[in-house]
Amino acid sequence: MTTSYPSLDRSDLRAALEAGLFSRRDEGYGLEGELLVVRERDGRVERAWGADPAQLEQVRLSLGALEHVRVLEQGRVRLDSGAHSTAVAAGEAFHADCTALAGRLADWDLALVSCGADPWSADPTPLEWCVRVPFGSPATASLRWRAAANLCVVSEALFAFSPLRALASSGVRSYGAQQRQQRRTHPELELGSRTPLEGFLDWALETSAGAAPRSIAFGIWARHGVRGVFPDAADFQRHVAALSAGVLPSRGLALRCFDGPPSAFQRVPLIVFATLLDDPSCVQELSAWESAPRALWQAAAQGGLSDPLLASRARRVFALVADRLLARPGVYASPAMAAEFVAFGQRYTLSARTPADEWLSHHARRGALTLDDVGALEQRWSVLTGRRAA
C-alpha cells in the first residue's frame, strides 16, 4: 500500500532488514532444490501433474507424511533440508528426504528427476536450487560475501546441467544459468568497503522499483514520491523480495547460482560453498579474485568449463575443497558426501567437463533421452560414488 506522504527513512529500512533478511535467527546450513516428477506414456515423457488445484491437493495429501516436501504446479516438488548447525546435517537431511520421496513415487510408477531444467519441454522453466550458509562473524562478513559472489560464475559453469530443450540442444550448457543472468537485477551489487547490510541497503535503494508509478530508483521514490505517491514498508518488502542476484541475504547467505545436479551429486554444491566460505584462507583468496565481466558469465552458460579461465578456477576450487576435507574429515562432509564430491571432481571438474556434456553426448549417441536412459545414467553415477555396486 502506497501513502500520500514520505514515511520511510534509512534507519527504518535498516531496522527492517536487521529484523528480516539479515536476522541471525534460524541461521544455519541448508540445501533446497526443485525436482521433476515425470512418467512415461505412449513413448513420451510428461509431467506427473499439471496445475489443477484439486489434483495438486490430492498429491499433497498422498505425500503428507513427507513434511519437508512441497508440491508445486506442473510436476515439480521442492525439498528443503531446513536450517542445521552443520553442512553434514543439512546434506544428510536432504538426502534422506529425497530418497524417501523417490521411493514413494516409484510405488506409483513415477520418476523423480534431478536436473537444471526439463529436457523434454519446449519451454522449460529452470528448476530453482539454493545453498544456505551462515553470514559468518561481523569481522569477516564482507570478505565472506565477496568470496561467495566471486564463486557464483564458477558455480554456474561447474554445475551446468540444463543443455536440452524439447530433446534438442538448447545451444548452451546451462539454460538455467542463461535465464538466471537475464533475471539479475541491474546494476549489480558491489559491496566495496561497505558492510553487507549497508551495501545491500544502498543497492536496494539504487535499483528500479517495479511497484513505483514509473520505473525509478526506490530511494528516489521514497524521498520525493511520484505524483504525490510514496512507498510504505510493505512496498519496500516487495521490492527487496523481487531483487535477483547469485548471493542474497536470507537469515544467512542464500546462493542461487547453479543448476540442479544429478541425483548422485546433489550435495556437492553444499560441500563446495560450506567448505570454502568457512575457511579463512579460502575466503581471503576467493575474495581477492577480480569480479567476473559479463562475457565470463555468458561463457559459463554457453560452454560450462570449456572456457580456460573458468576451467582453471574450477580446478582451483576443487583443490581447495579437497584439501580442507582431508584436513578436517567429517566436518563439512560425511564419508558418503565426500565420495560424491571426489567422484564429481574426477569425472567432470578435472577434465573440464560438466554433467551437461554427459547428457549431450548421450543424447547425440542415442538420439533420445528416455526414462530408461536417465535411470541408466543415474545408476552409473551412483556406482561412481559407491552407493551401488557395478
Protein backbone atom coordinates (compact mmCIF):
# COMPACT_ATOMS: atom_id res chain seq x y z
CA MET A 1 0.00 0.00 0.00
CA THR A 2 1.40 3.39 -1.01
CA THR A 3 0.97 6.58 1.01
CA SER A 4 0.48 10.24 0.21
CA TYR A 5 3.45 11.38 2.31
CA PRO A 6 7.06 10.21 2.88
CA SER A 7 7.09 7.59 5.64
CA LEU A 8 10.43 5.80 5.24
CA ASP A 9 13.91 6.89 6.22
CA ARG A 10 17.16 4.96 6.11
CA SER A 11 17.01 3.95 9.77
CA ASP A 12 13.55 2.44 9.25
CA LEU A 13 14.73 0.43 6.29
CA ARG A 14 17.90 -0.69 8.06
CA ALA A 15 15.84 -1.87 11.03
CA ALA A 16 13.51 -3.80 8.71
CA LEU A 17 16.46 -5.61 7.15
CA GLU A 18 18.04 -6.35 10.53
CA ALA A 19 14.79 -7.92 11.72
CA GLY A 20 14.18 -9.77 8.46
CA LEU A 21 16.68 -10.85 5.82
CA PHE A 22 19.75 -10.06 7.94
CA SER A 23 18.37 -11.61 11.11
CA ARG A 24 20.54 -14.37 12.54
CA ARG A 25 17.51 -16.22 13.87
CA ASP A 26 17.44 -19.75 12.40
CA GLU A 27 20.78 -19.06 10.69
CA GLY A 28 22.46 -22.26 9.60
CA TYR A 29 23.38 -24.53 6.71
CA GLY A 30 20.73 -25.70 4.28
CA LEU A 31 20.09 -27.18 0.86
CA GLU A 32 16.89 -26.59 -1.09
CA GLY A 33 16.01 -27.78 -4.57
CA GLU A 34 13.23 -28.29 -7.08
CA LEU A 35 12.94 -31.63 -8.87
CA LEU A 36 10.75 -33.01 -11.63
CA VAL A 37 8.18 -35.75 -11.17
CA VAL A 38 7.53 -37.41 -14.53
CA ARG A 39 6.08 -40.54 -16.11
CA GLU A 40 6.35 -42.21 -19.48
CA ARG A 41 3.19 -42.56 -21.52
CA ASP A 42 2.96 -43.79 -25.12
CA GLY A 43 6.71 -43.39 -25.50
CA ARG A 44 6.71 -39.77 -24.31
CA VAL A 45 7.91 -38.37 -21.01
CA GLU A 46 5.44 -36.00 -19.39
CA ARG A 47 4.93 -34.20 -16.09
CA ALA A 48 3.06 -36.26 -13.49
CA TRP A 49 0.52 -33.50 -12.83
CA GLY A 50 -0.43 -30.05 -14.05
CA ALA A 51 -1.90 -27.00 -12.34
CA ASP A 52 -5.38 -28.25 -11.40
CA PRO A 53 -5.93 -27.29 -7.71
CA ALA A 54 -7.86 -30.47 -6.90
CA GLN A 55 -5.15 -32.66 -8.39
CA LEU A 56 -2.43 -30.76 -6.52
CA GLU A 57 -4.30 -31.15 -3.26
CA GLN A 58 -4.63 -34.88 -3.83
CA VAL A 59 -0.88 -35.17 -4.41
CA ARG A 60 -0.20 -33.15 -1.25
CA LEU A 61 -2.44 -35.42 0.79
CA SER A 62 -0.75 -38.50 -0.63
CA LEU A 63 2.69 -37.13 0.34
CA GLY A 64 1.54 -35.70 3.65
CA ALA A 65 3.96 -37.75 5.74
CA LEU A 66 6.95 -36.18 3.96
CA GLU A 67 6.94 -32.88 5.82
CA HIS A 68 9.92 -31.28 4.05
CA VAL A 69 8.44 -31.82 0.58
CA ARG A 70 6.36 -29.09 -1.03
CA VAL A 71 4.21 -29.94 -4.05
CA LEU A 72 4.29 -27.33 -6.84
CA GLU A 73 2.45 -26.98 -10.14
CA GLN A 74 3.49 -28.74 -13.34
CA GLY A 75 5.03 -31.85 -11.84
CA ARG A 76 7.53 -30.09 -9.59
CA VAL A 77 8.41 -30.70 -5.96
CA ARG A 78 10.63 -28.65 -3.67
CA LEU A 79 12.73 -30.28 -0.99
CA ASP A 80 14.17 -28.22 1.84
CA SER A 81 16.62 -29.62 4.37
CA GLY A 82 15.80 -26.84 6.81
CA ALA A 83 18.46 -24.97 8.80
CA HIS A 84 21.11 -27.12 10.52
CA SER A 85 24.15 -26.37 12.64
CA THR A 86 26.46 -28.23 10.23
CA ALA A 87 26.65 -28.80 6.49
CA VAL A 88 26.79 -32.54 7.13
CA ALA A 89 23.44 -32.50 8.95
CA ALA A 90 21.86 -30.42 6.16
CA GLY A 91 23.21 -32.75 3.48
CA GLU A 92 22.08 -35.90 5.26
CA ALA A 93 18.59 -34.47 5.86
CA PHE A 94 18.18 -33.53 2.19
CA HIS A 95 19.39 -36.94 1.02
CA ALA A 96 17.05 -38.79 3.38
CA ASP A 97 14.02 -36.80 2.21
CA CYS A 98 14.96 -37.23 -1.46
CA THR A 99 15.41 -41.00 -1.04
CA ALA A 100 12.07 -41.32 0.76
CA LEU A 101 10.28 -39.27 -1.89
CA ALA A 102 11.81 -41.22 -4.79
CA GLY A 103 10.72 -44.49 -3.18
CA ARG A 104 7.16 -43.28 -2.66
CA LEU A 105 6.91 -42.05 -6.26
CA ALA A 106 8.36 -45.31 -7.64
CA ASP A 107 5.46 -47.16 -5.99
CA TRP A 108 3.17 -45.09 -8.25
CA ASP A 109 5.32 -45.69 -11.36
CA LEU A 110 6.57 -42.10 -11.27
CA ALA A 111 10.18 -40.98 -11.59
CA LEU A 112 11.97 -38.23 -9.67
CA VAL A 113 14.46 -36.43 -11.95
CA SER A 114 17.12 -34.05 -10.70
CA CYS A 115 18.43 -31.55 -13.28
CA GLY A 116 18.59 -27.85 -14.10
CA ALA A 117 15.55 -27.67 -16.40
CA ASP A 118 13.08 -30.07 -18.03
CA PRO A 119 14.83 -31.55 -21.10
CA TRP A 120 11.54 -32.78 -22.58
CA SER A 121 9.78 -29.39 -22.53
CA ALA A 122 9.80 -26.89 -25.41
CA ASP A 123 9.57 -24.06 -22.90
CA PRO A 124 11.43 -25.22 -19.79
CA THR A 125 11.43 -23.18 -16.62
CA PRO A 126 14.73 -23.55 -14.73
CA LEU A 127 14.38 -25.52 -11.52
CA GLU A 128 15.44 -23.43 -8.54
CA TRP A 129 18.17 -24.64 -6.19
CA CYS A 130 19.74 -22.87 -3.23
CA VAL A 131 22.56 -23.42 -0.75
CA ARG A 132 22.40 -21.50 2.53
CA VAL A 133 25.39 -20.83 4.78
CA PRO A 134 25.73 -18.55 7.85
CA PHE A 135 26.74 -14.91 7.48
CA GLY A 136 29.92 -15.52 9.49
CA SER A 137 31.42 -13.24 12.10
CA PRO A 138 30.94 -9.48 11.69
CA ALA A 139 34.70 -9.12 11.22
CA THR A 140 34.75 -11.37 8.15
CA ALA A 141 31.19 -10.98 6.82
CA SER A 142 32.16 -8.60 4.00
CA LEU A 143 35.01 -10.83 2.78
CA ARG A 144 32.75 -13.87 3.04
CA TRP A 145 30.08 -12.18 0.90
CA ARG A 146 32.62 -11.13 -1.73
CA ALA A 147 34.10 -14.63 -1.83
CA ALA A 148 30.62 -16.09 -2.32
CA ALA A 149 29.86 -13.60 -5.09
CA ASN A 150 33.13 -14.43 -6.89
CA LEU A 151 32.31 -18.14 -6.68
CA CYS A 152 28.96 -17.67 -8.41
CA VAL A 153 30.18 -17.54 -12.00
CA VAL A 154 32.41 -20.60 -11.44
CA SER A 155 29.46 -22.40 -9.85
CA GLU A 156 27.27 -21.71 -12.88
CA ALA A 157 29.88 -23.34 -15.13
CA LEU A 158 30.88 -26.12 -12.74
CA PHE A 159 27.34 -27.45 -12.24
CA ALA A 160 25.92 -26.78 -15.73
CA PHE A 161 23.15 -29.32 -16.28
CA SER A 162 20.38 -27.92 -18.47
CA PRO A 163 21.58 -28.32 -22.07
CA LEU A 164 18.45 -29.80 -23.67
CA ARG A 165 15.19 -28.22 -24.73
CA ALA A 166 12.44 -30.38 -26.28
CA LEU A 167 15.10 -33.12 -26.57
CA ALA A 168 17.37 -30.98 -28.72
CA SER A 169 20.40 -28.94 -27.78
CA SER A 170 19.39 -25.54 -26.42
CA GLY A 171 22.68 -24.14 -27.70
CA VAL A 172 24.05 -23.68 -24.19
CA ARG A 173 25.35 -25.97 -21.47
CA SER A 174 23.17 -24.25 -18.89
CA TYR A 175 19.84 -22.86 -19.96
CA GLY A 176 19.25 -22.26 -16.25
CA ALA A 177 22.34 -20.05 -15.94
CA GLN A 178 21.27 -18.12 -19.03
CA GLN A 179 17.84 -17.45 -17.54
CA ARG A 180 19.27 -16.50 -14.14
CA GLN A 181 21.55 -13.96 -15.82
CA GLN A 182 18.62 -12.42 -17.65
CA ARG A 183 16.71 -12.07 -14.38
CA ARG A 184 19.57 -10.50 -12.43
CA THR A 185 18.88 -7.05 -11.03
CA HIS A 186 20.94 -4.23 -12.52
CA PRO A 187 23.08 -2.51 -11.53
CA GLU A 188 24.65 -5.49 -9.76
CA LEU A 189 25.56 -5.32 -6.09
CA GLU A 190 29.20 -4.42 -5.36
CA LEU A 191 29.98 -4.20 -1.64
CA GLY A 192 33.26 -2.34 -1.92
CA SER A 193 34.29 -1.32 1.62
CA ARG A 194 30.71 -1.39 2.96
CA THR A 195 29.26 -3.95 5.33
CA PRO A 196 26.86 -6.45 3.73
CA LEU A 197 23.82 -4.78 5.30
CA GLU A 198 24.80 -1.24 4.29
CA GLY A 199 25.86 -2.35 0.82
CA PHE A 200 22.64 -4.28 0.31
CA LEU A 201 20.54 -1.36 1.54
CA ASP A 202 22.30 1.05 -0.82
CA TRP A 203 21.74 -1.41 -3.68
CA ALA A 204 18.05 -1.78 -2.86
CA LEU A 205 17.64 2.00 -2.85
CA GLU A 206 19.55 2.43 -6.14
CA THR A 207 17.65 -0.22 -8.10
CA SER A 208 14.44 0.32 -10.01
CA ALA A 209 11.22 -0.11 -8.05
CA GLY A 210 8.77 -2.19 -10.05
CA ALA A 211 5.82 -1.03 -7.92
CA ALA A 212 6.54 2.66 -8.48
CA PRO A 213 4.17 4.64 -10.70
CA ARG A 214 7.02 4.76 -13.20
CA SER A 215 10.36 3.00 -13.30
CA ILE A 216 12.61 4.93 -10.92
CA ALA A 217 15.04 4.00 -8.16
CA PHE A 218 13.29 3.01 -4.93
CA GLY A 219 15.30 5.59 -2.95
CA ILE A 220 14.13 8.42 -5.21
CA TRP A 221 10.54 7.24 -4.91
CA ALA A 222 10.85 7.10 -1.09
CA ARG A 223 12.38 10.60 -0.82
CA HIS A 224 10.49 12.56 -3.45
CA GLY A 225 7.46 10.49 -4.38
CA VAL A 226 5.90 10.34 -7.82
CA ARG A 227 2.82 12.47 -8.44
CA GLY A 228 2.23 12.66 -4.70
CA VAL A 229 2.56 8.90 -4.14
CA PHE A 230 5.20 7.45 -1.76
CA PRO A 231 6.09 3.86 -0.83
CA ASP A 232 5.46 2.33 2.58
CA ALA A 233 7.17 -0.53 4.44
CA ALA A 234 5.20 -3.17 2.56
CA ASP A 235 6.34 -1.69 -0.76
CA PHE A 236 9.93 -1.94 0.42
CA GLN A 237 9.49 -5.59 1.41
CA ARG A 238 8.04 -6.40 -2.01
CA HIS A 239 10.84 -4.51 -3.73
CA VAL A 240 13.53 -6.38 -1.80
CA ALA A 241 11.84 -9.73 -2.46
CA ALA A 242 11.98 -9.05 -6.21
CA LEU A 243 15.73 -8.40 -6.29
CA SER A 244 17.76 -11.10 -8.02
CA ALA A 245 21.45 -11.97 -7.62
CA GLY A 246 23.63 -15.01 -7.12
CA VAL A 247 24.10 -14.13 -3.44
CA LEU A 248 21.32 -12.64 -1.35
CA PRO A 249 20.63 -12.38 2.39
CA SER A 250 18.09 -14.83 3.80
CA ARG A 251 18.96 -15.18 7.51
CA GLY A 252 22.35 -16.19 6.19
CA LEU A 253 23.81 -16.19 2.69
CA ALA A 254 21.49 -17.70 0.08
CA LEU A 255 23.36 -18.83 -3.03
CA ARG A 256 21.26 -19.37 -6.16
CA CYS A 257 23.88 -19.80 -8.85
CA PHE A 258 23.86 -23.39 -10.04
CA ASP A 259 21.77 -25.94 -11.88
CA GLY A 260 20.18 -28.79 -10.00
CA PRO A 261 22.84 -31.53 -10.02
CA PRO A 262 22.29 -35.18 -10.98
CA SER A 263 20.81 -37.17 -8.10
CA ALA A 264 24.13 -38.78 -7.17
CA PHE A 265 25.81 -35.37 -6.79
CA GLN A 266 23.06 -33.24 -5.23
CA ARG A 267 25.10 -32.39 -2.14
CA VAL A 268 28.26 -31.29 -3.95
CA PRO A 269 27.26 -27.58 -4.18
CA LEU A 270 26.59 -27.56 -0.43
CA ILE A 271 30.02 -29.10 0.24
CA VAL A 272 31.77 -26.59 -2.03
CA PHE A 273 30.17 -23.44 -0.60
CA ALA A 274 30.19 -24.51 3.05
CA THR A 275 33.84 -25.62 2.97
CA LEU A 276 35.25 -22.63 1.10
CA LEU A 277 33.26 -19.95 2.91
CA ASP A 278 34.05 -21.33 6.36
CA ASP A 279 37.81 -21.41 5.83
CA PRO A 280 39.55 -18.04 6.46
CA SER A 281 42.39 -18.60 3.98
CA CYS A 282 39.96 -19.69 1.25
CA VAL A 283 37.80 -16.64 1.90
CA GLN A 284 40.86 -14.39 1.64
CA GLU A 285 41.91 -15.93 -1.67
CA LEU A 286 38.46 -16.03 -3.29
CA SER A 287 37.50 -12.52 -2.19
CA ALA A 288 40.61 -11.20 -3.98
CA TRP A 289 39.52 -12.60 -7.35
CA GLU A 290 38.54 -9.97 -9.90
CA SER A 291 34.80 -9.59 -10.44
CA ALA A 292 33.66 -11.56 -13.46
CA PRO A 293 32.90 -9.47 -16.58
CA ARG A 294 29.62 -10.09 -18.39
CA ALA A 295 31.46 -12.10 -21.06
CA LEU A 296 32.58 -14.64 -18.47
CA TRP A 297 29.01 -15.10 -17.22
CA GLN A 298 27.94 -15.69 -20.81
CA ALA A 299 30.77 -18.19 -21.27
CA ALA A 300 29.66 -20.07 -18.15
CA ALA A 301 26.16 -20.54 -19.55
CA GLN A 302 27.30 -21.14 -23.10
CA GLY A 303 30.12 -23.62 -22.64
CA GLY A 304 30.37 -24.63 -19.00
CA LEU A 305 34.02 -25.38 -18.29
CA SER A 306 35.14 -25.11 -21.92
CA ASP A 307 36.34 -21.57 -21.12
CA PRO A 308 40.00 -21.82 -19.96
CA LEU A 309 39.64 -19.32 -17.11
CA LEU A 310 36.52 -21.00 -15.75
CA ALA A 311 38.17 -24.42 -16.05
CA SER A 312 41.25 -23.17 -14.19
CA ARG A 313 39.21 -21.59 -11.41
CA ALA A 314 37.03 -24.71 -11.11
CA ARG A 315 40.12 -26.89 -10.66
CA ARG A 316 41.39 -24.46 -8.02
CA VAL A 317 38.03 -24.67 -6.22
CA PHE A 318 38.19 -28.46 -6.32
CA ALA A 319 41.75 -28.49 -4.95
CA LEU A 320 40.91 -26.08 -2.10
CA VAL A 321 37.86 -28.06 -1.05
CA ALA A 322 39.66 -31.41 -1.30
CA ASP A 323 42.49 -30.10 0.87
CA ARG A 324 40.08 -28.91 3.57
CA LEU A 325 38.07 -32.15 3.52
CA LEU A 326 41.27 -34.12 4.06
CA ALA A 327 42.43 -31.80 6.85
CA ARG A 328 39.08 -31.86 8.67
CA PRO A 329 37.34 -35.16 7.92
CA GLY A 330 33.68 -35.27 8.86
CA VAL A 331 33.36 -31.52 9.44
CA TYR A 332 31.95 -30.44 6.07
CA ALA A 333 31.09 -33.80 4.54
CA SER A 334 30.17 -37.25 5.77
CA PRO A 335 32.08 -40.14 4.13
CA ALA A 336 29.24 -40.58 1.63
CA MET A 337 29.18 -36.85 0.83
CA ALA A 338 32.97 -36.79 0.42
CA ALA A 339 32.71 -39.72 -2.01
CA GLU A 340 30.18 -37.74 -4.07
CA PHE A 341 32.50 -34.74 -4.17
CA VAL A 342 35.53 -36.79 -5.23
CA ALA A 343 33.56 -38.66 -7.93
CA PHE A 344 32.17 -35.39 -9.29
CA GLY A 345 35.60 -33.80 -9.41
CA GLN A 346 37.25 -36.73 -11.10
CA ARG A 347 34.51 -37.26 -13.67
CA TYR A 348 33.89 -33.62 -14.51
CA THR A 349 35.92 -30.81 -12.93
CA LEU A 350 39.42 -32.14 -13.50
CA SER A 351 38.52 -32.93 -17.12
CA ALA A 352 36.86 -29.52 -17.73
CA ARG A 353 33.52 -31.28 -18.30
CA THR A 354 30.10 -30.90 -16.74
CA PRO A 355 27.01 -33.09 -16.31
CA ALA A 356 25.57 -31.16 -19.27
CA ASP A 357 28.33 -32.52 -21.50
CA GLU A 358 27.41 -36.05 -20.48
CA TRP A 359 23.73 -35.55 -21.29
CA LEU A 360 24.64 -34.01 -24.65
CA SER A 361 27.00 -36.83 -25.62
CA HIS A 362 24.49 -39.46 -24.51
CA HIS A 363 21.71 -37.77 -26.47
CA ALA A 364 23.93 -37.46 -29.55
CA ARG A 365 24.67 -41.20 -29.48
CA ARG A 366 21.13 -42.34 -28.72
CA GLY A 367 19.08 -39.61 -30.37
CA ALA A 368 16.73 -39.74 -27.39
CA LEU A 369 16.51 -39.33 -23.64
CA THR A 370 14.01 -41.77 -22.18
CA LEU A 371 13.43 -42.51 -18.52
CA ASP A 372 15.42 -45.71 -19.04
CA ASP A 373 18.29 -43.57 -20.33
CA VAL A 374 18.06 -41.31 -17.29
CA GLY A 375 17.91 -44.33 -15.00
CA ALA A 376 20.99 -45.90 -16.63
CA LEU A 377 22.98 -42.69 -16.22
CA GLU A 378 21.91 -42.32 -12.60
CA GLN A 379 22.92 -45.95 -11.98
CA ARG A 380 26.36 -45.19 -13.45
CA TRP A 381 26.75 -42.09 -11.29
CA SER A 382 25.69 -43.98 -8.17
CA VAL A 383 28.34 -46.61 -8.85
CA LEU A 384 30.98 -43.88 -9.07
CA THR A 385 30.01 -42.54 -5.64
CA GLY A 386 29.98 -46.01 -4.09
CA ARG A 387 26.24 -46.02 -3.40
CA ARG A 388 25.68 -49.04 -5.66
CA ALA A 389 27.76 -51.92 -6.91
CA ALA A 390 28.63 -52.04 -10.60
